[in-house]
């Protein structure tokens, strides 16, 4: 068999480990030929490809980013500037390249595109990739543990500054629609207030929480916010919350925005192993002819689910999540 592999959407730790997991299993165990496709779906449109060998895959396990490059090309999005039928061109190029299957590594947008390509009759197997952990159907996706680890380390470091200056420190982490990073890093880093897009907040409640801490002899507080919380369209989340807290409490407040630091660098051991397992299982699906599926993690078991069940759905934090329930019991404010 001859398979293609691409990475699409934002980069995150663990993509290269997944490429390695797919390709080494394909070459060494199944005797497949592997074609690397550059720049996501853009590379499928232009046939920007390379043949992978064992040597191509050296040193990938702990490397951040993606050695194939990525793009945000959405072939099913209509463009006024172009009269090219991109999905048709992709189908044609897959045939011309002699690919028996294309492995798509990416987030929600990639899963949607992969599902549509599968519906066209192209053999697709996809692997979920996102630091936001918001892909439906899998407990965790690689990249999330690494992002949480980076965010938690930053929160740990802010504790000493907040304590020294008796300030409120507001730290903004990634998460437009889903607050998984804020929830997991906020809990792991001992945040006093955790604000996520899924749970509405009241700024007066937050002010009250911080003043109550002051009354109990705790002169500083750590507030962890997801970038996607409601700010009525005014300013960045951290800046807005810091200013509102200072107004509500009179306590000096400072904001820190982590931004793309969460995306970069080497994956954690957990993500390296998850990537390796997911990549290997993707190749197993190809070898057994199970196409149109996305690799999933359920408990400790690597499995898969039909792409049409996953595409277009988001996995969000709910109020009955164990960490939210336990956090509230311990006196952490969710707004």
C-alpha atoms as a PDB file:
ATOM      1  CA  UNK A   1       0.000   0.000   0.000  1.00  0.00           C
ATOM      2  CA  UNK A   2       0.990   3.603  -0.545  1.00  0.00           C
ATOM      3  CA  UNK A   3      -0.263   6.144   1.993  1.00  0.00           C
ATOM      4  CA  UNK A   4      -0.046   9.923   2.293  1.00  0.00           C
ATOM      5  CA  UNK A   5       0.184  11.912   5.521  1.00  0.00           C
ATOM      6  CA  UNK A   6      -0.509  15.616   6.194  1.00  0.00           C
ATOM      7  CA  UNK A   7      -0.829  17.994   9.137  1.00  0.00           C
ATOM      8  CA  UNK A   8      -3.342  20.838   9.061  1.00  0.00           C
ATOM      9  CA  UNK A   9      -4.366  23.806  11.242  1.00  0.00           C
ATOM     10  CA  UNK A  10      -2.373  25.198  14.180  1.00  0.00           C
ATOM     11  CA  UNK A  11       0.846  23.497  15.287  1.00  0.00           C
ATOM     12  CA  UNK A  12       1.122  21.823  18.675  1.00  0.00           C
ATOM     13  CA  UNK A  13       3.520  19.557  20.595  1.00  0.00           C
ATOM     14  CA  UNK A  14       3.251  15.912  19.542  1.00  0.00           C
ATOM     15  CA  UNK A  15       2.551  16.261  15.792  1.00  0.00           C
ATOM     16  CA  UNK A  16       6.029  15.036  14.841  1.00  0.00           C
ATOM     17  CA  UNK A  17       5.751  12.145  17.297  1.00  0.00           C
ATOM     18  CA  UNK A  18       2.474  11.181  15.589  1.00  0.00           C
ATOM     19  CA  UNK A  19       4.025  11.395  12.108  1.00  0.00           C
ATOM     20  CA  UNK A  20       6.808   9.136  13.406  1.00  0.00           C
ATOM     21  CA  UNK A  21       4.269   6.699  14.945  1.00  0.00           C
ATOM     22  CA  UNK A  22       2.286   6.416  11.703  1.00  0.00           C
ATOM     23  CA  UNK A  23       5.231   6.212   9.317  1.00  0.00           C
ATOM     24  CA  UNK A  24       7.564   3.917  11.273  1.00  0.00           C
ATOM     25  CA  UNK A  25       4.709   1.452  11.842  1.00  0.00           C
ATOM     26  CA  UNK A  26       3.707   1.669   8.165  1.00  0.00           C
ATOM     27  CA  UNK A  27       7.247   1.132   6.851  1.00  0.00           C
ATOM     28  CA  UNK A  28       8.649  -1.331   9.400  1.00  0.00           C
ATOM     29  CA  UNK A  29       5.617  -3.431  10.309  1.00  0.00           C
ATOM     30  CA  UNK A  30       3.344  -3.299   7.272  1.00  0.00           C
ATOM     31  CA  UNK A  31       5.857  -2.665   4.478  1.00  0.00           C
ATOM     32  CA  UNK A  32       3.898   0.329   3.187  1.00  0.00           C
ATOM     33  CA  UNK A  33       5.256   3.206   1.138  1.00  0.00           C
ATOM     34  CA  UNK A  34       4.731   6.607   2.817  1.00  0.00           C
ATOM     35  CA  UNK A  35       4.395   9.980   1.103  1.00  0.00           C
ATOM     36  CA  UNK A  36       4.703  13.143   3.215  1.00  0.00           C
ATOM     37  CA  UNK A  37       2.377  15.941   2.047  1.00  0.00           C
ATOM     38  CA  UNK A  38       3.626  19.475   2.784  1.00  0.00           C
ATOM     39  CA  UNK A  39       1.524  22.415   4.057  1.00  0.00           C
ATOM     40  CA  UNK A  40      -1.682  20.559   4.894  1.00  0.00           C
ATOM     41  CA  UNK A  41      -4.461  20.326   2.295  1.00  0.00           C
ATOM     42  CA  UNK A  42      -2.597  22.978   0.280  1.00  0.00           C
ATOM     43  CA  UNK A  43       0.040  20.337  -0.471  1.00  0.00           C
ATOM     44  CA  UNK A  44      -2.641  17.979  -1.795  1.00  0.00           C
ATOM     45  CA  UNK A  45      -3.802  20.721  -4.177  1.00  0.00           C
ATOM     46  CA  UNK A  46      -0.294  21.392  -5.525  1.00  0.00           C
ATOM     47  CA  UNK A  47       1.143  17.865  -5.142  1.00  0.00           C
ATOM     48  CA  UNK A  48       3.907  19.204  -2.881  1.00  0.00           C
ATOM     49  CA  UNK A  49       5.069  15.833  -1.568  1.00  0.00           C
ATOM     50  CA  UNK A  50       8.134  13.808  -0.600  1.00  0.00           C
ATOM     51  CA  UNK A  51       8.838  10.094  -0.181  1.00  0.00           C
ATOM     52  CA  UNK A  52       9.585   9.196   3.438  1.00  0.00           C
ATOM     53  CA  UNK A  53      12.339   6.804   4.456  1.00  0.00           C
ATOM     54  CA  UNK A  54      13.499   5.573   7.865  1.00  0.00           C
ATOM     55  CA  UNK A  55      16.088   8.372   7.813  1.00  0.00           C
ATOM     56  CA  UNK A  56      13.394  11.052   7.269  1.00  0.00           C
ATOM     57  CA  UNK A  57      11.857  10.064  10.610  1.00  0.00           C
ATOM     58  CA  UNK A  58      14.943  10.382  12.828  1.00  0.00           C
ATOM     59  CA  UNK A  59      14.859  12.777  15.790  1.00  0.00           C
ATOM     60  CA  UNK A  60      11.129  13.516  15.582  1.00  0.00           C
ATOM     61  CA  UNK A  61       9.883  12.164  18.909  1.00  0.00           C
ATOM     62  CA  UNK A  62      10.719  15.180  21.074  1.00  0.00           C
ATOM     63  CA  UNK A  63      10.543  17.849  18.365  1.00  0.00           C
ATOM     64  CA  UNK A  64       7.848  20.566  18.520  1.00  0.00           C
ATOM     65  CA  UNK A  65       5.981  21.937  15.509  1.00  0.00           C
ATOM     66  CA  UNK A  66       5.489  19.861  12.367  1.00  0.00           C
ATOM     67  CA  UNK A  67       8.209  18.739   9.972  1.00  0.00           C
ATOM     68  CA  UNK A  68       5.629  18.656   7.158  1.00  0.00           C
ATOM     69  CA  UNK A  69       4.559  22.262   7.683  1.00  0.00           C
ATOM     70  CA  UNK A  70       0.917  23.265   7.971  1.00  0.00           C
ATOM     71  CA  UNK A  71      -1.683  25.631   6.562  1.00  0.00           C
ATOM     72  CA  UNK A  72      -5.267  26.647   7.246  1.00  0.00           C
ATOM     73  CA  UNK A  73      -6.381  25.758   3.713  1.00  0.00           C
ATOM     74  CA  UNK A  74     -10.067  24.750   3.704  1.00  0.00           C
ATOM     75  CA  UNK A  75     -10.696  23.105   0.305  1.00  0.00           C
ATOM     76  CA  UNK A  76     -14.484  23.045   0.728  1.00  0.00           C
ATOM     77  CA  UNK A  77     -14.708  26.791   1.434  1.00  0.00           C
ATOM     78  CA  UNK A  78     -15.982  28.624  -1.663  1.00  0.00           C
ATOM     79  CA  UNK A  79     -13.643  31.320  -2.959  1.00  0.00           C
ATOM     80  CA  UNK A  80     -14.766  34.123  -5.264  1.00  0.00           C
ATOM     81  CA  UNK A  81     -11.161  34.639  -6.386  1.00  0.00           C
ATOM     82  CA  UNK A  82     -10.800  31.078  -7.706  1.00  0.00           C
ATOM     83  CA  UNK A  83     -12.907  28.980 -10.038  1.00  0.00           C
ATOM     84  CA  UNK A  84     -10.943  25.795  -9.228  1.00  0.00           C
ATOM     85  CA  UNK A  85     -13.018  22.950  -7.781  1.00  0.00           C
ATOM     86  CA  UNK A  86     -10.600  22.159  -4.947  1.00  0.00           C
ATOM     87  CA  UNK A  87     -12.248  18.961  -3.627  1.00  0.00           C
ATOM     88  CA  UNK A  88     -12.330  17.572  -7.172  1.00  0.00           C
ATOM     89  CA  UNK A  89      -8.661  18.515  -7.691  1.00  0.00           C
ATOM     90  CA  UNK A  90      -7.720  16.793  -4.403  1.00  0.00           C
ATOM     91  CA  UNK A  91      -9.541  13.623  -5.512  1.00  0.00           C
ATOM     92  CA  UNK A  92      -7.705  13.723  -8.843  1.00  0.00           C
ATOM     93  CA  UNK A  93      -4.301  14.296  -7.200  1.00  0.00           C
ATOM     94  CA  UNK A  94      -4.843  11.464  -4.697  1.00  0.00           C
ATOM     95  CA  UNK A  95      -5.427   9.138  -7.685  1.00  0.00           C
ATOM     96  CA  UNK A  96      -2.431  10.496  -9.623  1.00  0.00           C
ATOM     97  CA  UNK A  97      -0.168  10.088  -6.583  1.00  0.00           C
ATOM     98  CA  UNK A  98      -1.435   6.513  -6.223  1.00  0.00           C
ATOM     99  CA  UNK A  99      -2.438   6.962  -2.587  1.00  0.00           C
ATOM    100  CA  UNK A 100      -4.487   4.129  -1.030  1.00  0.00           C
ATOM    101  CA  UNK A 101      -5.244   6.320   2.006  1.00  0.00           C
ATOM    102  CA  UNK A 102      -4.533   9.806   3.367  1.00  0.00           C
ATOM    103  CA  UNK A 103      -3.811  10.276   7.085  1.00  0.00           C
ATOM    104  CA  UNK A 104      -5.014  13.712   8.249  1.00  0.00           C
ATOM    105  CA  UNK A 105      -3.610  15.040  11.539  1.00  0.00           C
ATOM    106  CA  UNK A 106      -5.510  18.085  12.793  1.00  0.00           C
ATOM    107  CA  UNK A 107      -8.143  19.788  14.912  1.00  0.00           C
ATOM    108  CA  UNK A 108     -11.868  20.410  14.468  1.00  0.00           C
ATOM    109  CA  UNK A 109     -11.574  22.071  11.054  1.00  0.00           C
ATOM    110  CA  UNK A 110      -9.382  19.228   9.790  1.00  0.00           C
ATOM    111  CA  UNK A 111     -11.860  16.598  11.047  1.00  0.00           C
ATOM    112  CA  UNK A 112     -14.658  18.385   9.144  1.00  0.00           C
ATOM    113  CA  UNK A 113     -12.616  18.467   5.921  1.00  0.00           C
ATOM    114  CA  UNK A 114     -11.516  14.842   6.415  1.00  0.00           C
ATOM    115  CA  UNK A 115     -15.151  13.780   6.854  1.00  0.00           C
ATOM    116  CA  UNK A 116     -16.172  15.537   3.618  1.00  0.00           C
ATOM    117  CA  UNK A 117     -13.279  13.962   1.696  1.00  0.00           C
ATOM    118  CA  UNK A 118     -14.277  10.545   3.067  1.00  0.00           C
ATOM    119  CA  UNK A 119     -17.869  11.179   1.901  1.00  0.00           C
ATOM    120  CA  UNK A 120     -16.430  11.782  -1.600  1.00  0.00           C
ATOM    121  CA  UNK A 121     -15.005   8.267  -1.559  1.00  0.00           C
ATOM    122  CA  UNK A 122     -11.379   9.077  -0.645  1.00  0.00           C
ATOM    123  CA  UNK A 123      -9.885   6.660   1.910  1.00  0.00           C
ATOM    124  CA  UNK A 124      -9.190   8.754   5.006  1.00  0.00           C
ATOM    125  CA  UNK A 125      -7.967   8.019   8.529  1.00  0.00           C
ATOM    126  CA  UNK A 126      -7.585  11.002  10.868  1.00  0.00           C
ATOM    127  CA  UNK A 127      -5.807  11.691  14.153  1.00  0.00           C
ATOM    128  CA  UNK A 128      -7.113  14.388  16.563  1.00  0.00           C
ATOM    129  CA  UNK A 129      -4.658  17.187  17.347  1.00  0.00           C
ATOM    130  CA  UNK A 130      -5.426  20.176  19.553  1.00  0.00           C
ATOM    131  CA  UNK A 131      -4.087  21.851  22.653  1.00  0.00           C
ATOM    132  CA  UNK A 132      -7.691  22.950  23.424  1.00  0.00           C
ATOM    133  CA  UNK A 133      -8.869  19.332  23.947  1.00  0.00           C
ATOM    134  CA  UNK A 134     -12.230  20.246  22.373  1.00  0.00           C
ATOM    135  CA  UNK A 135     -12.487  17.483  19.728  1.00  0.00           C
ATOM    136  CA  UNK A 136     -15.605  15.390  20.160  1.00  0.00           C
ATOM    137  CA  UNK A 137     -15.275  11.636  20.681  1.00  0.00           C
ATOM    138  CA  UNK A 138     -11.889  11.425  22.413  1.00  0.00           C
ATOM    139  CA  UNK A 139     -11.121  11.896  26.121  1.00  0.00           C
ATOM    140  CA  UNK A 140      -7.829  13.606  25.302  1.00  0.00           C
ATOM    141  CA  UNK A 141      -5.953  14.654  22.190  1.00  0.00           C
ATOM    142  CA  UNK A 142      -2.179  15.019  22.082  1.00  0.00           C
ATOM    143  CA  UNK A 143      -0.910  18.573  22.656  1.00  0.00           C
ATOM    144  CA  UNK A 144      -3.297  19.197  25.548  1.00  0.00           C
ATOM    145  CA  UNK A 145      -1.094  17.728  28.289  1.00  0.00           C
ATOM    146  CA  UNK A 146       1.892  19.748  27.012  1.00  0.00           C
ATOM    147  CA  UNK A 147      -0.116  22.992  26.966  1.00  0.00           C
ATOM    148  CA  UNK A 148      -1.462  22.353  30.480  1.00  0.00           C
ATOM    149  CA  UNK A 149       2.068  21.630  31.700  1.00  0.00           C
ATOM    150  CA  UNK A 150       3.369  24.939  30.283  1.00  0.00           C
ATOM    151  CA  UNK A 151       0.413  26.917  31.685  1.00  0.00           C
ATOM    152  CA  UNK A 152       0.733  25.276  35.117  1.00  0.00           C
ATOM    153  CA  UNK A 153       4.440  26.120  35.270  1.00  0.00           C
ATOM    154  CA  UNK A 154       3.589  29.767  34.482  1.00  0.00           C
ATOM    155  CA  UNK A 155       0.920  29.853  37.218  1.00  0.00           C
ATOM    156  CA  UNK A 156       3.390  28.337  39.702  1.00  0.00           C
ATOM    157  CA  UNK A 157       5.855  31.131  38.906  1.00  0.00           C
ATOM    158  CA  UNK A 158       3.215  33.841  39.287  1.00  0.00           C
ATOM    159  CA  UNK A 159       2.401  32.717  42.842  1.00  0.00           C
ATOM    160  CA  UNK A 160       5.736  34.010  44.158  1.00  0.00           C
ATOM    161  CA  UNK A 161       5.364  37.431  42.459  1.00  0.00           C
ATOM    162  CA  UNK A 162       1.730  37.775  43.579  1.00  0.00           C
ATOM    163  CA  UNK A 163       2.692  36.866  47.144  1.00  0.00           C
ATOM    164  CA  UNK A 164       5.691  39.228  47.259  1.00  0.00           C
ATOM    165  CA  UNK A 165       3.718  42.245  46.020  1.00  0.00           C
ATOM    166  CA  UNK A 166       0.318  41.353  47.534  1.00  0.00           C
ATOM    167  CA  UNK A 167      -1.303  41.626  44.116  1.00  0.00           C
ATOM    168  CA  UNK A 168      -3.943  39.893  42.073  1.00  0.00           C
ATOM    169  CA  UNK A 169      -2.313  38.146  39.108  1.00  0.00           C
ATOM    170  CA  UNK A 170      -4.567  37.371  36.145  1.00  0.00           C
ATOM    171  CA  UNK A 171      -3.188  34.821  33.681  1.00  0.00           C
ATOM    172  CA  UNK A 172      -4.826  34.267  30.288  1.00  0.00           C
ATOM    173  CA  UNK A 173      -4.499  30.875  28.621  1.00  0.00           C
ATOM    174  CA  UNK A 174      -5.764  29.597  25.267  1.00  0.00           C
ATOM    175  CA  UNK A 175      -9.312  28.341  24.708  1.00  0.00           C
ATOM    176  CA  UNK A 176     -11.768  30.272  22.522  1.00  0.00           C
ATOM    177  CA  UNK A 177     -14.846  28.131  23.077  1.00  0.00           C
ATOM    178  CA  UNK A 178     -13.616  25.419  25.444  1.00  0.00           C
ATOM    179  CA  UNK A 179     -12.028  26.076  28.841  1.00  0.00           C
ATOM    180  CA  UNK A 180     -10.144  22.795  29.300  1.00  0.00           C
ATOM    181  CA  UNK A 181      -6.664  24.380  29.541  1.00  0.00           C
ATOM    182  CA  UNK A 182      -7.849  27.012  32.038  1.00  0.00           C
ATOM    183  CA  UNK A 183      -9.652  24.368  34.120  1.00  0.00           C
ATOM    184  CA  UNK A 184      -6.806  21.825  34.226  1.00  0.00           C
ATOM    185  CA  UNK A 185      -3.943  24.322  34.664  1.00  0.00           C
ATOM    186  CA  UNK A 186      -5.960  26.482  37.056  1.00  0.00           C
ATOM    187  CA  UNK A 187      -6.672  23.512  39.298  1.00  0.00           C
ATOM    188  CA  UNK A 188      -3.137  22.098  39.017  1.00  0.00           C
ATOM    189  CA  UNK A 189      -1.581  25.513  39.663  1.00  0.00           C
ATOM    190  CA  UNK A 190      -3.750  26.388  42.678  1.00  0.00           C
ATOM    191  CA  UNK A 191      -5.798  29.148  41.031  1.00  0.00           C
ATOM    192  CA  UNK A 192      -8.253  30.964  43.323  1.00  0.00           C
ATOM    193  CA  UNK A 193     -10.599  31.999  40.506  1.00  0.00           C
ATOM    194  CA  UNK A 194     -10.977  30.079  37.213  1.00  0.00           C
ATOM    195  CA  UNK A 195     -13.027  31.601  34.393  1.00  0.00           C
ATOM    196  CA  UNK A 196     -14.001  29.544  31.344  1.00  0.00           C
ATOM    197  CA  UNK A 197     -16.298  30.276  28.364  1.00  0.00           C
ATOM    198  CA  UNK A 198     -18.798  27.555  29.339  1.00  0.00           C
ATOM    199  CA  UNK A 199     -19.640  28.944  32.800  1.00  0.00           C
ATOM    200  CA  UNK A 200     -21.083  32.505  33.031  1.00  0.00           C
ATOM    201  CA  UNK A 201     -19.408  34.752  35.604  1.00  0.00           C
ATOM    202  CA  UNK A 202     -20.355  37.829  37.627  1.00  0.00           C
ATOM    203  CA  UNK A 203     -17.511  40.289  38.227  1.00  0.00           C
ATOM    204  CA  UNK A 204     -18.997  41.274  41.621  1.00  0.00           C
ATOM    205  CA  UNK A 205     -18.735  37.630  42.778  1.00  0.00           C
ATOM    206  CA  UNK A 206     -15.080  37.576  41.746  1.00  0.00           C
ATOM    207  CA  UNK A 207     -14.384  40.804  43.639  1.00  0.00           C
ATOM    208  CA  UNK A 208     -16.122  39.360  46.689  1.00  0.00           C
ATOM    209  CA  UNK A 209     -14.040  36.158  46.509  1.00  0.00           C
ATOM    210  CA  UNK A 210     -10.812  38.183  46.448  1.00  0.00           C
ATOM    211  CA  UNK A 211     -11.900  40.479  49.319  1.00  0.00           C
ATOM    212  CA  UNK A 212     -12.947  37.450  51.398  1.00  0.00           C
ATOM    213  CA  UNK A 213      -9.491  35.991  50.882  1.00  0.00           C
ATOM    214  CA  UNK A 214      -7.992  39.288  52.099  1.00  0.00           C
ATOM    215  CA  UNK A 215     -10.160  39.116  55.263  1.00  0.00           C
ATOM    216  CA  UNK A 216      -8.819  35.606  55.910  1.00  0.00           C
ATOM    217  CA  UNK A 217      -5.239  36.897  55.800  1.00  0.00           C
ATOM    218  CA  UNK A 218      -4.577  35.969  52.157  1.00  0.00           C
ATOM    219  CA  UNK A 219      -3.430  39.237  50.552  1.00  0.00           C
ATOM    220  CA  UNK A 220      -2.890  37.892  47.039  1.00  0.00           C
ATOM    221  CA  UNK A 221      -4.951  35.899  44.515  1.00  0.00           C
ATOM    222  CA  UNK A 222      -4.369  34.008  41.263  1.00  0.00           C
ATOM    223  CA  UNK A 223      -7.054  34.322  38.589  1.00  0.00           C
ATOM    224  CA  UNK A 224      -6.863  31.976  35.567  1.00  0.00           C
ATOM    225  CA  UNK A 225      -8.948  32.972  32.535  1.00  0.00           C
ATOM    226  CA  UNK A 226      -9.560  31.336  29.151  1.00  0.00           C
ATOM    227  CA  UNK A 227      -9.148  33.751  26.229  1.00  0.00           C
ATOM    228  CA  UNK A 228     -12.723  33.113  25.060  1.00  0.00           C
ATOM    229  CA  UNK A 229     -14.620  34.332  28.146  1.00  0.00           C
ATOM    230  CA  UNK A 230     -17.255  37.024  27.656  1.00  0.00           C
ATOM    231  CA  UNK A 231     -15.815  40.570  27.872  1.00  0.00           C
ATOM    232  CA  UNK A 232     -18.582  42.358  25.938  1.00  0.00           C
ATOM    233  CA  UNK A 233     -16.140  42.769  23.065  1.00  0.00           C
ATOM    234  CA  UNK A 234     -13.902  45.025  25.133  1.00  0.00           C
ATOM    235  CA  UNK A 235     -10.158  44.301  25.344  1.00  0.00           C
ATOM    236  CA  UNK A 236      -8.387  40.990  25.880  1.00  0.00           C
ATOM    237  CA  UNK A 237      -9.801  38.724  28.571  1.00  0.00           C
ATOM    238  CA  UNK A 238      -6.910  39.137  31.048  1.00  0.00           C
ATOM    239  CA  UNK A 239      -6.703  42.922  30.660  1.00  0.00           C
ATOM    240  CA  UNK A 240     -10.458  43.312  31.084  1.00  0.00           C
ATOM    241  CA  UNK A 241     -10.658  41.071  34.174  1.00  0.00           C
ATOM    242  CA  UNK A 242      -7.583  42.666  35.808  1.00  0.00           C
ATOM    243  CA  UNK A 243      -9.034  46.184  35.382  1.00  0.00           C
ATOM    244  CA  UNK A 244     -12.464  45.118  36.662  1.00  0.00           C
ATOM    245  CA  UNK A 245     -10.963  43.390  39.720  1.00  0.00           C
ATOM    246  CA  UNK A 246      -8.895  46.476  40.577  1.00  0.00           C
ATOM    247  CA  UNK A 247     -12.047  48.609  40.253  1.00  0.00           C
ATOM    248  CA  UNK A 248     -14.092  46.195  42.403  1.00  0.00           C
ATOM    249  CA  UNK A 249     -11.507  45.602  45.150  1.00  0.00           C
ATOM    250  CA  UNK A 250      -8.958  48.418  45.036  1.00  0.00           C
ATOM    251  CA  UNK A 251      -6.226  45.728  45.021  1.00  0.00           C
ATOM    252  CA  UNK A 252      -3.427  46.182  42.499  1.00  0.00           C
ATOM    253  CA  UNK A 253      -3.951  43.699  39.652  1.00  0.00           C
ATOM    254  CA  UNK A 254      -1.651  42.662  36.812  1.00  0.00           C
ATOM    255  CA  UNK A 255      -2.262  40.519  33.729  1.00  0.00           C
ATOM    256  CA  UNK A 256      -0.100  37.975  31.898  1.00  0.00           C
ATOM    257  CA  UNK A 257      -1.028  36.533  28.495  1.00  0.00           C
ATOM    258  CA  UNK A 258       0.690  33.234  27.693  1.00  0.00           C
ATOM    259  CA  UNK A 259      -0.340  33.137  24.022  1.00  0.00           C
ATOM    260  CA  UNK A 260       1.576  30.960  21.580  1.00  0.00           C
ATOM    261  CA  UNK A 261       4.074  29.787  24.205  1.00  0.00           C
ATOM    262  CA  UNK A 262       1.478  27.092  24.955  1.00  0.00           C
ATOM    263  CA  UNK A 263       1.705  25.745  21.397  1.00  0.00           C
ATOM    264  CA  UNK A 264       5.454  25.504  21.062  1.00  0.00           C
ATOM    265  CA  UNK A 265       8.306  23.342  22.228  1.00  0.00           C
ATOM    266  CA  UNK A 266       8.804  19.718  23.121  1.00  0.00           C
ATOM    267  CA  UNK A 267       5.820  17.467  23.989  1.00  0.00           C
ATOM    268  CA  UNK A 268       5.470  15.977  27.475  1.00  0.00           C
ATOM    269  CA  UNK A 269       6.173  12.243  27.938  1.00  0.00           C
ATOM    270  CA  UNK A 270       2.391  11.660  28.125  1.00  0.00           C
ATOM    271  CA  UNK A 271       1.870  13.366  24.759  1.00  0.00           C
ATOM    272  CA  UNK A 272       4.803  11.531  23.168  1.00  0.00           C
ATOM    273  CA  UNK A 273       3.330   8.179  24.180  1.00  0.00           C
ATOM    274  CA  UNK A 274      -0.231   9.168  23.220  1.00  0.00           C
ATOM    275  CA  UNK A 275       1.003  10.365  19.802  1.00  0.00           C
ATOM    276  CA  UNK A 276       2.943   7.142  19.261  1.00  0.00           C
ATOM    277  CA  UNK A 277      -0.051   4.971  20.194  1.00  0.00           C
ATOM    278  CA  UNK A 278      -2.508   6.988  18.091  1.00  0.00           C
ATOM    279  CA  UNK A 279      -0.150   6.993  15.102  1.00  0.00           C
ATOM    280  CA  UNK A 280       0.341   3.237  15.320  1.00  0.00           C
ATOM    281  CA  UNK A 281      -3.403   2.594  15.553  1.00  0.00           C
ATOM    282  CA  UNK A 282      -4.032   4.804  12.506  1.00  0.00           C
ATOM    283  CA  UNK A 283      -1.740   2.558  10.468  1.00  0.00           C
ATOM    284  CA  UNK A 284      -3.501  -0.526  11.815  1.00  0.00           C
ATOM    285  CA  UNK A 285      -6.855   0.840  10.572  1.00  0.00           C
ATOM    286  CA  UNK A 286      -5.355   1.404   7.119  1.00  0.00           C
ATOM    287  CA  UNK A 287      -3.911  -2.118   6.996  1.00  0.00           C
ATOM    288  CA  UNK A 288      -7.320  -3.607   7.883  1.00  0.00           C
ATOM    289  CA  UNK A 289      -9.246  -1.364   5.467  1.00  0.00           C
ATOM    290  CA  UNK A 290     -11.136   0.637   8.123  1.00  0.00           C
ATOM    291  CA  UNK A 291     -11.438   4.071   6.530  1.00  0.00           C
ATOM    292  CA  UNK A 292     -13.460   7.206   7.300  1.00  0.00           C
ATOM    293  CA  UNK A 293     -12.532   7.012  10.989  1.00  0.00           C
ATOM    294  CA  UNK A 294     -10.794   9.173  13.607  1.00  0.00           C
ATOM    295  CA  UNK A 295      -8.513   7.697  16.282  1.00  0.00           C
ATOM    296  CA  UNK A 296      -9.841   8.159  19.840  1.00  0.00           C
ATOM    297  CA  UNK A 297      -8.718   7.663  23.433  1.00  0.00           C
ATOM    298  CA  UNK A 298     -11.397   6.288  25.780  1.00  0.00           C
ATOM    299  CA  UNK A 299     -10.105   5.689  29.286  1.00  0.00           C
ATOM    300  CA  UNK A 300      -6.763   4.053  28.552  1.00  0.00           C
ATOM    301  CA  UNK A 301      -7.908   2.384  25.347  1.00  0.00           C
ATOM    302  CA  UNK A 302      -6.985   3.598  21.868  1.00  0.00           C
ATOM    303  CA  UNK A 303      -9.904   3.056  19.511  1.00  0.00           C
ATOM    304  CA  UNK A 304     -11.638   4.891  16.663  1.00  0.00           C
ATOM    305  CA  UNK A 305     -14.996   6.412  15.704  1.00  0.00           C
ATOM    306  CA  UNK A 306     -16.693   7.251  12.379  1.00  0.00           C
ATOM    307  CA  UNK A 307     -15.724  10.726  11.132  1.00  0.00           C
ATOM    308  CA  UNK A 308     -19.323  11.673  10.360  1.00  0.00           C
ATOM    309  CA  UNK A 309     -20.155  11.285  14.082  1.00  0.00           C
ATOM    310  CA  UNK A 310     -17.343  13.659  15.084  1.00  0.00           C
ATOM    311  CA  UNK A 311     -17.279  16.399  12.423  1.00  0.00           C
ATOM    312  CA  UNK A 312     -18.854  19.679  13.462  1.00  0.00           C
ATOM    313  CA  UNK A 313     -19.175  18.834  17.184  1.00  0.00           C
ATOM    314  CA  UNK A 314     -17.305  20.448  20.087  1.00  0.00           C
ATOM    315  CA  UNK A 315     -16.416  18.851  23.407  1.00  0.00           C
ATOM    316  CA  UNK A 316     -16.994  21.472  26.101  1.00  0.00           C
ATOM    317  CA  UNK A 317     -16.542  21.601  29.880  1.00  0.00           C
ATOM    318  CA  UNK A 318     -19.788  20.970  31.782  1.00  0.00           C
ATOM    319  CA  UNK A 319     -20.708  22.120  35.298  1.00  0.00           C
ATOM    320  CA  UNK A 320     -20.765  18.509  36.521  1.00  0.00           C
ATOM    321  CA  UNK A 321     -17.133  17.908  35.492  1.00  0.00           C
ATOM    322  CA  UNK A 322     -15.239  16.333  38.412  1.00  0.00           C
ATOM    323  CA  UNK A 323     -12.656  19.130  38.556  1.00  0.00           C
ATOM    324  CA  UNK A 324     -15.339  21.850  38.587  1.00  0.00           C
ATOM    325  CA  UNK A 325     -17.323  20.069  41.324  1.00  0.00           C
ATOM    326  CA  UNK A 326     -14.220  19.415  43.438  1.00  0.00           C
ATOM    327  CA  UNK A 327     -12.918  22.946  42.874  1.00  0.00           C
ATOM    328  CA  UNK A 328     -16.167  24.464  44.131  1.00  0.00           C
ATOM    329  CA  UNK A 329     -16.122  22.216  47.189  1.00  0.00           C
ATOM    330  CA  UNK A 330     -12.648  23.554  47.987  1.00  0.00           C
ATOM    331  CA  UNK A 331     -13.752  27.183  47.681  1.00  0.00           C
ATOM    332  CA  UNK A 332     -12.432  27.957  44.207  1.00  0.00           C
ATOM    333  CA  UNK A 333     -14.612  30.496  42.405  1.00  0.00           C
ATOM    334  CA  UNK A 334     -15.797  29.837  38.845  1.00  0.00           C
ATOM    335  CA  UNK A 335     -17.345  33.287  38.685  1.00  0.00           C
END
